């Protein structure tokens, strides 16, 4: 499904890239590729360029983005580890568009099979047909090694009265650990907390209990709920449990709560 504002932009983008000899193709990923677009969807577009123009194209990414429509604002994607990405907001009807610039051979390493909106020749379709996408799944041991350190960090911030810090930490733990594990358990890709509300995931009601308000007790309860869900979601067959780290960090957290409750 393509909506009017999305369709208009795609048509403009195809016209623009097809007239530039540096470009070999325009592809689409994300919700457009999956057929799940709605009025709130952004566009995930991949601009494929010929390798000999790498320096020129990469230095002109913002100008290229400007040439594709009424660009209101844009910035590069180093903060998500992807310098090839330009994150754009177009107008006058606001539309979020991610533009990723790649060479043909870079398509061999990808997380999904994109739609080919336009291509110069058959090189792109050949590369896609000869290779297989691979979506990155989180490492369970990576989570286990860090989780109890994060719990201790949250306890320290709770005891110091830095509740905004605790709220941010729990939000991160939900996105980096609980959300992906919940999505995996119900057969979905581990994309943070994306569409948890519509995936009928196990533990959805309990996940709501990991959202604190700005108070000592609420932050404590949300962190405890985060711990309980992690213990339920993790697969101990795939990890070396950090049993002592778990014991020490949880006891410390409970001690912080007990001491300040008594003082109150």
Protein backbone atom coordinates (compact mmCIF):
# COMPACT_ATOMS: atom_id res chain seq x y z
CA UNK A 1 0.00 0.00 0.00
CA UNK A 2 1.34 3.40 -0.99
CA UNK A 3 -0.34 6.55 0.33
CA UNK A 4 -0.52 9.80 -1.70
CA UNK A 5 2.30 11.67 0.05
CA UNK A 6 4.53 8.58 -0.05
CA UNK A 7 3.69 7.82 -3.67
CA UNK A 8 4.37 11.38 -4.78
CA UNK A 9 7.77 11.38 -3.10
CA UNK A 10 8.72 8.03 -4.60
CA UNK A 11 7.84 9.27 -8.08
CA UNK A 12 9.99 12.38 -7.54
CA UNK A 13 12.85 10.26 -6.20
CA UNK A 14 12.77 7.88 -9.17
CA UNK A 15 12.82 10.78 -11.61
CA UNK A 16 15.74 12.36 -9.79
CA UNK A 17 18.02 9.33 -9.46
CA UNK A 18 17.26 7.94 -12.92
CA UNK A 19 18.53 11.14 -14.52
CA UNK A 20 21.90 11.00 -12.73
CA UNK A 21 24.52 8.72 -14.29
CA UNK A 22 26.16 8.17 -10.89
CA UNK A 23 23.20 6.14 -9.67
CA UNK A 24 22.46 2.49 -10.44
CA UNK A 25 19.18 2.04 -8.61
CA UNK A 26 16.60 3.07 -6.05
CA UNK A 27 15.31 0.47 -3.58
CA UNK A 28 12.78 0.45 -0.74
CA UNK A 29 12.91 -1.41 2.56
CA UNK A 30 10.99 -1.26 5.83
CA UNK A 31 7.21 -1.14 5.91
CA UNK A 32 6.92 -0.51 2.19
CA UNK A 33 8.85 -3.70 1.45
CA UNK A 34 6.76 -5.63 4.00
CA UNK A 35 3.46 -4.23 2.72
CA UNK A 36 2.53 -2.77 6.13
CA UNK A 37 2.62 0.95 5.36
CA UNK A 38 0.07 3.29 6.92
CA UNK A 39 -0.34 7.05 7.11
CA UNK A 40 2.29 7.23 9.88
CA UNK A 41 4.97 5.24 8.04
CA UNK A 42 8.28 6.72 7.00
CA UNK A 43 10.12 5.73 3.84
CA UNK A 44 13.29 3.66 3.95
CA UNK A 45 15.00 4.21 0.60
CA UNK A 46 18.34 2.91 -0.64
CA UNK A 47 20.20 4.84 -3.32
CA UNK A 48 22.66 2.58 -5.13
CA UNK A 49 25.58 4.38 -6.76
CA UNK A 50 28.49 3.28 -8.94
CA UNK A 51 31.71 2.73 -6.93
CA UNK A 52 33.80 5.18 -8.97
CA UNK A 53 31.64 8.02 -7.64
CA UNK A 54 31.96 7.10 -3.97
CA UNK A 55 33.87 10.18 -2.78
CA UNK A 56 31.67 12.54 -4.75
CA UNK A 57 28.37 10.97 -3.73
CA UNK A 58 29.24 10.65 -0.04
CA UNK A 59 30.34 14.28 0.15
CA UNK A 60 27.17 15.45 -1.60
CA UNK A 61 24.57 13.38 0.25
CA UNK A 62 22.77 16.39 1.69
CA UNK A 63 22.65 18.12 -1.70
CA UNK A 64 21.28 14.92 -3.25
CA UNK A 65 18.61 14.78 -0.54
CA UNK A 66 17.70 18.39 -1.32
CA UNK A 67 17.27 17.50 -4.98
CA UNK A 68 14.63 14.89 -4.21
CA UNK A 69 12.01 17.19 -2.69
CA UNK A 70 11.26 20.05 -0.34
CA UNK A 71 13.84 19.19 2.32
CA UNK A 72 13.07 20.83 5.66
CA UNK A 73 15.90 19.33 7.69
CA UNK A 74 18.40 16.46 7.48
CA UNK A 75 21.34 14.96 9.30
CA UNK A 76 23.73 12.03 8.94
CA UNK A 77 23.35 8.72 10.78
CA UNK A 78 26.60 8.36 12.70
CA UNK A 79 24.62 8.26 15.99
CA UNK A 80 23.16 4.91 14.90
CA UNK A 81 26.46 3.67 13.51
CA UNK A 82 25.46 4.24 9.89
CA UNK A 83 27.36 7.12 8.21
CA UNK A 84 25.88 6.11 4.86
CA UNK A 85 22.46 7.19 6.11
CA UNK A 86 20.79 10.60 5.76
CA UNK A 87 17.72 11.09 7.96
CA UNK A 88 15.38 13.58 6.33
CA UNK A 89 12.19 15.51 6.98
CA UNK A 90 10.40 16.70 3.85
CA UNK A 91 7.40 19.01 3.51
CA UNK A 92 5.06 20.79 3.25
CA UNK A 93 3.13 17.67 4.32
CA UNK A 94 5.69 16.25 6.79
CA UNK A 95 7.30 13.01 5.63
CA UNK A 96 10.22 11.22 7.29
CA UNK A 97 12.55 9.63 4.76
CA UNK A 98 15.71 7.64 5.47
CA UNK A 99 18.11 7.71 2.52
CA UNK A 100 20.89 5.13 2.62
CA UNK A 101 23.68 5.35 0.04
CA UNK A 102 25.35 2.06 -0.94
CA UNK A 103 27.42 0.55 -3.71
CA UNK A 104 26.01 -2.50 -5.54
CA UNK A 105 28.31 -5.01 -3.81
CA UNK A 106 27.31 -3.68 -0.39
CA UNK A 107 23.82 -5.08 -1.03
CA UNK A 108 25.18 -8.56 -0.41
CA UNK A 109 25.27 -7.76 3.31
CA UNK A 110 21.72 -6.71 4.22
CA UNK A 111 18.97 -7.40 6.74
CA UNK A 112 16.07 -7.71 4.29
CA UNK A 113 15.26 -8.10 0.59
CA UNK A 114 14.38 -4.61 -0.64
CA UNK A 115 11.95 -3.72 -3.39
CA UNK A 116 13.62 -2.50 -6.56
CA UNK A 117 11.79 0.71 -7.43
CA UNK A 118 14.14 1.53 -10.31
CA UNK A 119 17.36 0.00 -11.60
CA UNK A 120 19.84 0.68 -14.35
CA UNK A 121 20.42 -2.72 -15.88
CA UNK A 122 20.20 -6.05 -14.05
CA UNK A 123 23.20 -5.85 -11.69
CA UNK A 124 21.13 -5.10 -8.58
CA UNK A 125 18.57 -7.86 -9.12
CA UNK A 126 21.41 -10.31 -9.82
CA UNK A 127 23.21 -9.43 -6.57
CA UNK A 128 20.01 -9.75 -4.55
CA UNK A 129 19.14 -13.10 -6.11
CA UNK A 130 22.65 -14.44 -5.45
CA UNK A 131 22.75 -13.49 -1.75
CA UNK A 132 20.62 -13.91 1.36
CA UNK A 133 19.56 -11.30 3.92
CA UNK A 134 20.43 -11.79 7.58
CA UNK A 135 18.73 -9.87 10.39
CA UNK A 136 20.99 -9.29 13.43
CA UNK A 137 19.71 -11.00 16.57
CA UNK A 138 20.86 -9.91 20.03
CA UNK A 139 23.46 -12.01 21.82
CA UNK A 140 21.89 -13.48 25.00
CA UNK A 141 25.26 -13.51 26.77
CA UNK A 142 25.80 -9.84 25.89
CA UNK A 143 22.55 -9.10 27.71
CA UNK A 144 23.35 -11.26 30.73
CA UNK A 145 26.85 -9.79 31.13
CA UNK A 146 25.44 -6.26 31.28
CA UNK A 147 22.03 -6.62 32.87
CA UNK A 148 23.12 -6.91 36.50
CA UNK A 149 25.62 -4.07 36.16
CA UNK A 150 22.74 -1.93 34.90
CA UNK A 151 20.60 -3.01 37.87
CA UNK A 152 23.32 -1.88 40.28
CA UNK A 153 23.67 1.41 38.39
CA UNK A 154 19.92 1.97 38.68
CA UNK A 155 20.02 1.23 42.41
CA UNK A 156 22.78 3.79 42.91
CA UNK A 157 20.82 6.44 41.03
CA UNK A 158 17.67 5.52 42.95
CA UNK A 159 19.46 5.92 46.27
CA UNK A 160 20.88 9.28 45.22
CA UNK A 161 17.47 10.56 44.22
CA UNK A 162 18.33 10.86 40.51
CA UNK A 163 15.03 9.46 39.33
CA UNK A 164 15.24 10.83 35.81
CA UNK A 165 18.41 8.75 35.43
CA UNK A 166 16.57 5.64 36.65
CA UNK A 167 13.69 6.29 34.25
CA UNK A 168 16.11 6.65 31.32
CA UNK A 169 17.94 3.47 32.33
CA UNK A 170 14.74 1.41 32.53
CA UNK A 171 13.63 2.78 29.16
CA UNK A 172 16.95 1.66 27.68
CA UNK A 173 16.70 -1.80 29.29
CA UNK A 174 13.20 -2.20 27.88
CA UNK A 175 14.38 -1.28 24.38
CA UNK A 176 17.66 -3.21 24.41
CA UNK A 177 16.61 -6.32 26.34
CA UNK A 178 12.96 -6.84 27.25
CA UNK A 179 11.44 -5.69 23.98
CA UNK A 180 13.66 -7.81 21.72
CA UNK A 181 13.25 -10.88 23.94
CA UNK A 182 9.47 -10.47 24.01
CA UNK A 183 9.31 -10.09 20.23
CA UNK A 184 11.53 -13.13 19.65
CA UNK A 185 9.32 -15.24 21.93
CA UNK A 186 6.30 -14.55 19.73
CA UNK A 187 8.09 -15.03 16.43
CA UNK A 188 8.79 -11.42 15.45
CA UNK A 189 12.04 -9.68 14.57
CA UNK A 190 13.79 -8.19 17.64
CA UNK A 191 13.33 -4.53 16.73
CA UNK A 192 13.50 -2.89 20.14
CA UNK A 193 9.95 -2.15 21.30
CA UNK A 194 8.52 -1.58 17.83
CA UNK A 195 4.84 -2.46 17.58
CA UNK A 196 4.84 -4.37 20.87
CA UNK A 197 1.26 -3.19 21.37
CA UNK A 198 0.06 -4.97 18.22
CA UNK A 199 2.19 -8.14 18.32
CA UNK A 200 0.23 -9.94 21.05
CA UNK A 201 3.49 -10.49 22.90
CA UNK A 202 3.70 -12.50 26.08
CA UNK A 203 4.02 -10.31 29.13
CA UNK A 204 2.52 -7.17 27.59
CA UNK A 205 0.67 -6.24 30.79
CA UNK A 206 3.82 -6.84 32.83
CA UNK A 207 5.79 -4.66 30.43
CA UNK A 208 3.50 -1.78 31.28
CA UNK A 209 4.68 -2.21 34.86
CA UNK A 210 8.23 -1.29 33.79
CA UNK A 211 7.15 2.29 33.04
CA UNK A 212 7.75 4.41 36.18
CA UNK A 213 6.65 7.88 37.18
CA UNK A 214 9.06 10.31 38.80
CA UNK A 215 9.04 8.95 42.34
CA UNK A 216 11.24 6.78 44.51
CA UNK A 217 8.79 3.92 44.95
CA UNK A 218 7.61 3.92 41.32
CA UNK A 219 11.17 3.74 40.03
CA UNK A 220 11.97 0.92 42.43
CA UNK A 221 8.89 -1.09 41.45
CA UNK A 222 9.54 -0.57 37.73
CA UNK A 223 13.13 -1.74 38.11
CA UNK A 224 12.00 -4.81 40.05
CA UNK A 225 9.43 -5.57 37.37
CA UNK A 226 12.17 -5.21 34.75
CA UNK A 227 14.25 -7.78 36.63
CA UNK A 228 11.35 -10.23 36.96
CA UNK A 229 10.54 -10.03 33.24
CA UNK A 230 14.17 -10.51 32.27
CA UNK A 231 14.44 -13.61 34.47
CA UNK A 232 11.30 -14.96 32.82
CA UNK A 233 12.30 -14.10 29.23
CA UNK A 234 15.97 -15.11 29.24
CA UNK A 235 16.94 -18.59 28.06
CA UNK A 236 19.43 -19.97 30.58
CA UNK A 237 20.33 -22.73 28.12
CA UNK A 238 22.02 -20.14 25.93
CA UNK A 239 24.00 -18.24 28.57
CA UNK A 240 26.38 -18.58 31.47
CA UNK A 241 24.26 -16.93 34.19
CA UNK A 242 25.99 -14.27 36.27
CA UNK A 243 24.48 -15.70 39.45
CA UNK A 244 26.64 -13.80 41.94
CA UNK A 245 26.24 -10.51 40.07
CA UNK A 246 22.48 -11.05 40.11
CA UNK A 247 22.42 -11.76 43.84
CA UNK A 248 24.62 -8.81 44.79
CA UNK A 249 22.89 -6.25 42.59
CA UNK A 250 19.36 -7.27 43.57
CA UNK A 251 20.24 -7.33 47.28
CA UNK A 252 21.78 -3.88 46.93
CA UNK A 253 18.67 -2.55 45.19
CA UNK A 254 16.38 -4.01 47.84
CA UNK A 255 18.64 -2.61 50.54
CA UNK A 256 18.38 0.88 49.08
CA UNK A 257 14.60 0.61 49.05
CA UNK A 258 14.42 -0.78 52.61
CA UNK A 259 16.75 1.83 54.11
CA UNK A 260 14.99 4.81 52.55
CA UNK A 261 11.55 3.42 53.36
CA UNK A 262 12.56 3.09 57.01
CA UNK A 263 13.97 6.61 57.02
CA UNK A 264 10.71 7.89 55.58
